[in-house]
């Protein structure tokens, strides 16, 4: 399987997730393994799926959701040399470094 490329760094993904969730721009999928929902300290815990299996930084499903929001014009992705900025609602800019 070919690796997908995104216009943001993997290290930016947790911050992007937190801000989009806070802004109610993403809905979380139904939990498939509720017993894993509290294992947040596990390195393979995905905040989007709320299970242990892959880290949020590796979650192509969430990254694809970010790209979908950008294509729909709900957010804009801006890159500079130090961080990725995600703008939404024209009122707030999120920046991760």
N, C-alpha and C. Protein backbone atom coordinates (compact mmCIF):
# COMPACT_ATOMS: atom_id res chain seq x y z
N UNK A 1 0.84 -1.19 0.00
CA UNK A 1 0.00 0.00 0.00
C UNK A 1 0.88 1.24 0.00
N UNK A 2 0.57 2.17 -0.87
CA UNK A 2 1.34 3.39 -1.00
C UNK A 2 1.00 4.36 0.13
N UNK A 3 2.03 4.98 0.68
CA UNK A 3 1.81 5.95 1.76
C UNK A 3 1.11 7.19 1.20
N UNK A 4 0.16 7.69 1.95
CA UNK A 4 -0.55 8.90 1.55
C UNK A 4 0.24 10.11 2.01
N UNK A 5 0.11 11.19 1.28
CA UNK A 5 0.79 12.42 1.64
C UNK A 5 -0.25 13.48 1.99
N UNK A 6 0.07 14.25 3.02
CA UNK A 6 -0.83 15.30 3.50
C UNK A 6 -0.04 16.59 3.65
N UNK A 7 -0.69 17.74 3.55
CA UNK A 7 0.03 19.01 3.63
C UNK A 7 0.29 19.48 5.06
N UNK A 8 0.31 18.55 6.01
CA UNK A 8 0.62 18.88 7.40
C UNK A 8 1.47 17.76 7.97
N UNK A 9 2.21 18.08 8.99
CA UNK A 9 3.11 17.11 9.61
C UNK A 9 2.33 16.16 10.51
N UNK A 10 2.81 14.93 10.62
CA UNK A 10 2.20 13.98 11.54
C UNK A 10 2.19 14.53 12.96
N UNK A 11 3.23 15.26 13.31
CA UNK A 11 3.32 15.80 14.67
C UNK A 11 2.26 16.87 14.94
N UNK A 12 1.67 17.44 13.89
CA UNK A 12 0.61 18.44 14.04
C UNK A 12 -0.77 17.81 14.26
N UNK A 13 -0.90 16.53 13.94
CA UNK A 13 -2.22 15.88 13.93
C UNK A 13 -2.93 15.91 15.29
N UNK A 14 -2.26 15.62 16.41
CA UNK A 14 -2.99 15.68 17.69
C UNK A 14 -3.60 17.06 17.98
N UNK A 15 -2.87 18.11 17.68
CA UNK A 15 -3.39 19.46 17.90
C UNK A 15 -4.53 19.79 16.95
N UNK A 16 -4.40 19.36 15.70
CA UNK A 16 -5.48 19.56 14.73
C UNK A 16 -6.74 18.86 15.23
N UNK A 17 -6.57 17.62 15.69
CA UNK A 17 -7.71 16.86 16.20
C UNK A 17 -8.38 17.60 17.35
N UNK A 18 -7.60 18.02 18.34
CA UNK A 18 -8.16 18.69 19.52
C UNK A 18 -8.95 19.93 19.13
N UNK A 19 -8.39 20.73 18.23
CA UNK A 19 -9.06 21.97 17.86
C UNK A 19 -10.31 21.73 17.02
N UNK A 20 -10.28 20.77 16.11
CA UNK A 20 -11.47 20.48 15.31
C UNK A 20 -12.58 19.88 16.17
N UNK A 21 -12.20 19.06 17.14
CA UNK A 21 -13.19 18.49 18.05
C UNK A 21 -13.83 19.59 18.90
N UNK A 22 -12.99 20.48 19.43
CA UNK A 22 -13.49 21.59 20.25
C UNK A 22 -14.42 22.50 19.45
N UNK A 23 -14.13 22.67 18.16
CA UNK A 23 -14.95 23.53 17.31
C UNK A 23 -16.16 22.80 16.74
N UNK A 24 -16.35 21.55 17.15
CA UNK A 24 -17.48 20.73 16.66
C UNK A 24 -17.48 20.58 15.15
N UNK A 25 -16.29 20.50 14.56
CA UNK A 25 -16.18 20.30 13.12
C UNK A 25 -16.02 18.84 12.74
N UNK A 26 -15.81 17.98 13.72
CA UNK A 26 -15.73 16.54 13.45
C UNK A 26 -16.60 15.80 14.45
N UNK A 27 -17.14 14.70 13.99
CA UNK A 27 -17.87 13.79 14.85
C UNK A 27 -17.03 12.52 14.99
N UNK A 28 -17.00 11.98 16.18
CA UNK A 28 -16.25 10.75 16.40
C UNK A 28 -17.08 9.55 15.96
N UNK A 29 -16.42 8.56 15.37
CA UNK A 29 -17.15 7.36 14.98
C UNK A 29 -17.58 6.57 16.21
N UNK A 30 -18.53 5.69 16.01
CA UNK A 30 -18.97 4.81 17.09
C UNK A 30 -17.80 3.97 17.57
N UNK A 31 -17.68 3.82 18.89
CA UNK A 31 -16.58 3.03 19.45
C UNK A 31 -16.81 1.56 19.16
N UNK A 32 -15.76 0.93 18.62
CA UNK A 32 -15.85 -0.51 18.33
C UNK A 32 -15.36 -1.35 19.50
N UNK A 33 -14.46 -0.76 20.31
CA UNK A 33 -13.93 -1.48 21.47
C UNK A 33 -13.97 -0.53 22.68
N UNK A 34 -15.13 -0.35 23.29
CA UNK A 34 -15.26 0.60 24.40
C UNK A 34 -14.31 0.33 25.56
N UNK A 35 -13.91 -0.91 25.73
CA UNK A 35 -12.99 -1.24 26.83
C UNK A 35 -11.62 -0.59 26.66
N UNK A 36 -11.30 -0.11 25.45
CA UNK A 36 -10.01 0.53 25.20
C UNK A 36 -10.09 2.06 25.26
N UNK A 37 -11.26 2.61 25.46
CA UNK A 37 -11.46 4.06 25.39
C UNK A 37 -10.63 4.84 26.41
N UNK A 38 -10.31 4.24 27.52
CA UNK A 38 -9.56 4.94 28.56
C UNK A 38 -8.06 4.66 28.53
N UNK A 39 -7.58 3.94 27.55
CA UNK A 39 -6.16 3.60 27.47
C UNK A 39 -5.38 4.69 26.73
N UNK A 40 -5.61 5.92 27.09
CA UNK A 40 -5.06 7.07 26.38
C UNK A 40 -3.54 7.19 26.49
N UNK A 41 -2.93 6.52 27.46
CA UNK A 41 -1.48 6.59 27.61
C UNK A 41 -0.73 5.63 26.69
N UNK A 42 -1.45 4.72 26.06
CA UNK A 42 -0.83 3.77 25.15
C UNK A 42 -0.36 4.51 23.90
N UNK A 43 0.88 4.26 23.46
CA UNK A 43 1.43 4.94 22.29
C UNK A 43 0.64 4.64 21.02
N UNK A 44 -0.09 3.56 21.00
CA UNK A 44 -0.88 3.17 19.83
C UNK A 44 -2.36 3.51 20.00
N UNK A 45 -2.67 4.47 20.88
CA UNK A 45 -4.05 4.89 21.10
C UNK A 45 -4.43 5.95 20.07
N UNK A 46 -5.54 5.74 19.41
CA UNK A 46 -6.05 6.71 18.43
C UNK A 46 -7.17 7.52 19.07
N UNK A 47 -6.96 8.82 19.18
CA UNK A 47 -7.96 9.69 19.80
C UNK A 47 -9.23 9.78 18.96
N UNK A 48 -9.11 9.59 17.66
CA UNK A 48 -10.28 9.66 16.79
C UNK A 48 -11.15 8.41 16.93
N UNK A 49 -10.53 7.25 16.83
CA UNK A 49 -11.27 5.99 16.94
C UNK A 49 -11.49 5.55 18.38
N UNK A 50 -10.73 6.13 19.31
CA UNK A 50 -10.79 5.79 20.73
C UNK A 50 -10.53 4.31 20.96
N UNK A 51 -9.44 3.85 20.37
CA UNK A 51 -9.02 2.47 20.56
C UNK A 51 -7.52 2.36 20.39
N UNK A 52 -6.97 1.24 20.82
CA UNK A 52 -5.54 0.97 20.68
C UNK A 52 -5.35 0.18 19.40
N UNK A 53 -4.47 0.65 18.55
CA UNK A 53 -4.19 -0.02 17.29
C UNK A 53 -3.24 0.80 16.44
N UNK A 54 -3.43 2.11 16.47
CA UNK A 54 -2.55 3.04 15.77
C UNK A 54 -2.67 4.40 16.47
N UNK A 55 -1.61 5.16 16.41
CA UNK A 55 -1.63 6.50 17.00
C UNK A 55 -2.41 7.44 16.09
N UNK A 56 -2.94 8.51 16.65
CA UNK A 56 -3.68 9.49 15.85
C UNK A 56 -2.80 10.05 14.73
N UNK A 57 -1.49 10.14 14.96
CA UNK A 57 -0.58 10.64 13.94
C UNK A 57 -0.55 9.74 12.71
N UNK A 58 -0.94 8.48 12.87
CA UNK A 58 -0.93 7.51 11.77
C UNK A 58 -2.34 7.26 11.22
N UNK A 59 -3.33 7.96 11.71
CA UNK A 59 -4.73 7.68 11.36
C UNK A 59 -5.10 8.35 10.03
N UNK A 60 -5.04 7.57 8.95
CA UNK A 60 -5.37 8.14 7.64
C UNK A 60 -6.85 8.47 7.53
N UNK A 61 -7.70 7.80 8.29
CA UNK A 61 -9.13 8.12 8.27
C UNK A 61 -9.35 9.55 8.79
N UNK A 62 -8.71 9.88 9.92
CA UNK A 62 -8.84 11.24 10.45
C UNK A 62 -8.19 12.26 9.50
N UNK A 63 -7.01 11.94 9.00
CA UNK A 63 -6.33 12.86 8.09
C UNK A 63 -7.18 13.12 6.85
N UNK A 64 -7.83 12.08 6.34
CA UNK A 64 -8.72 12.26 5.20
C UNK A 64 -9.91 13.16 5.55
N UNK A 65 -10.40 13.07 6.79
CA UNK A 65 -11.48 13.95 7.25
C UNK A 65 -11.01 15.41 7.24
N UNK A 66 -9.77 15.64 7.68
CA UNK A 66 -9.21 16.99 7.66
C UNK A 66 -9.18 17.51 6.23
N UNK A 67 -8.73 16.68 5.31
CA UNK A 67 -8.66 17.09 3.91
C UNK A 67 -10.06 17.35 3.35
N UNK A 68 -11.03 16.55 3.75
CA UNK A 68 -12.41 16.74 3.30
C UNK A 68 -12.94 18.09 3.79
N UNK A 69 -12.67 18.42 5.04
CA UNK A 69 -13.09 19.72 5.58
C UNK A 69 -12.45 20.87 4.80
N UNK A 70 -11.19 20.69 4.42
CA UNK A 70 -10.50 21.72 3.64
C UNK A 70 -11.13 21.85 2.25
N UNK A 71 -11.43 20.73 1.60
CA UNK A 71 -12.06 20.77 0.27
C UNK A 71 -13.45 21.41 0.33
N UNK A 72 -14.16 21.20 1.42
CA UNK A 72 -15.50 21.77 1.60
C UNK A 72 -15.46 23.24 1.99
N UNK A 73 -14.26 23.76 2.23
CA UNK A 73 -14.12 25.16 2.61
C UNK A 73 -14.44 25.45 4.07
N UNK A 74 -14.60 24.40 4.87
CA UNK A 74 -14.90 24.60 6.30
C UNK A 74 -13.66 24.97 7.09
N UNK A 75 -12.50 24.58 6.61
CA UNK A 75 -11.21 24.97 7.19
C UNK A 75 -10.27 25.28 6.05
N UNK A 76 -9.21 25.99 6.34
CA UNK A 76 -8.16 26.18 5.35
C UNK A 76 -6.85 25.79 6.00
N UNK A 77 -6.01 25.15 5.23
CA UNK A 77 -4.71 24.71 5.71
C UNK A 77 -3.66 25.66 5.15
N UNK A 78 -2.87 26.22 6.03
CA UNK A 78 -1.80 27.12 5.62
C UNK A 78 -0.51 26.57 6.18
N UNK A 79 0.50 26.53 5.34
CA UNK A 79 1.78 26.00 5.79
C UNK A 79 2.81 27.12 5.85
N UNK A 80 3.68 27.04 6.82
CA UNK A 80 4.90 27.83 6.81
C UNK A 80 6.01 26.90 7.27
N UNK A 81 7.19 27.41 7.41
CA UNK A 81 8.33 26.54 7.70
C UNK A 81 8.29 25.95 9.10
N UNK A 82 7.54 26.53 10.02
CA UNK A 82 7.57 26.08 11.40
C UNK A 82 6.35 25.28 11.83
N UNK A 83 5.22 25.47 11.15
CA UNK A 83 3.99 24.86 11.65
C UNK A 83 2.93 24.81 10.57
N UNK A 84 1.89 24.08 10.85
CA UNK A 84 0.70 24.06 10.02
C UNK A 84 -0.37 24.87 10.73
N UNK A 85 -1.02 25.74 10.00
CA UNK A 85 -2.13 26.52 10.54
C UNK A 85 -3.42 25.97 9.96
N UNK A 86 -4.42 25.84 10.78
CA UNK A 86 -5.74 25.46 10.31
C UNK A 86 -6.68 26.59 10.71
N UNK A 87 -7.31 27.19 9.72
CA UNK A 87 -8.23 28.28 9.97
C UNK A 87 -9.64 27.79 9.73
N UNK A 88 -10.55 28.17 10.62
CA UNK A 88 -11.95 27.83 10.42
C UNK A 88 -12.83 28.93 10.97
N UNK A 89 -14.00 29.04 10.40
CA UNK A 89 -14.99 30.05 10.79
C UNK A 89 -14.45 31.48 10.71
N UNK A 90 -13.36 31.67 10.06
CA UNK A 90 -12.75 32.99 9.87
C UNK A 90 -12.52 33.75 11.18
N UNK A 91 -12.70 33.08 12.30
CA UNK A 91 -12.54 33.74 13.60
C UNK A 91 -11.36 33.21 14.38
N UNK A 92 -10.88 32.04 14.01
CA UNK A 92 -9.88 31.40 14.85
C UNK A 92 -8.81 30.75 13.99
N UNK A 93 -7.58 30.90 14.38
CA UNK A 93 -6.48 30.23 13.72
C UNK A 93 -5.81 29.32 14.73
N UNK A 94 -5.59 28.10 14.34
CA UNK A 94 -4.91 27.14 15.20
C UNK A 94 -3.51 26.94 14.65
N UNK A 95 -2.54 26.86 15.51
CA UNK A 95 -1.17 26.71 15.06
C UNK A 95 -0.48 25.68 15.94
N UNK A 96 0.21 24.77 15.30
CA UNK A 96 0.95 23.74 16.03
C UNK A 96 2.40 23.83 15.66
N UNK A 97 3.26 23.71 16.66
CA UNK A 97 4.69 23.76 16.41
C UNK A 97 5.36 22.60 17.08
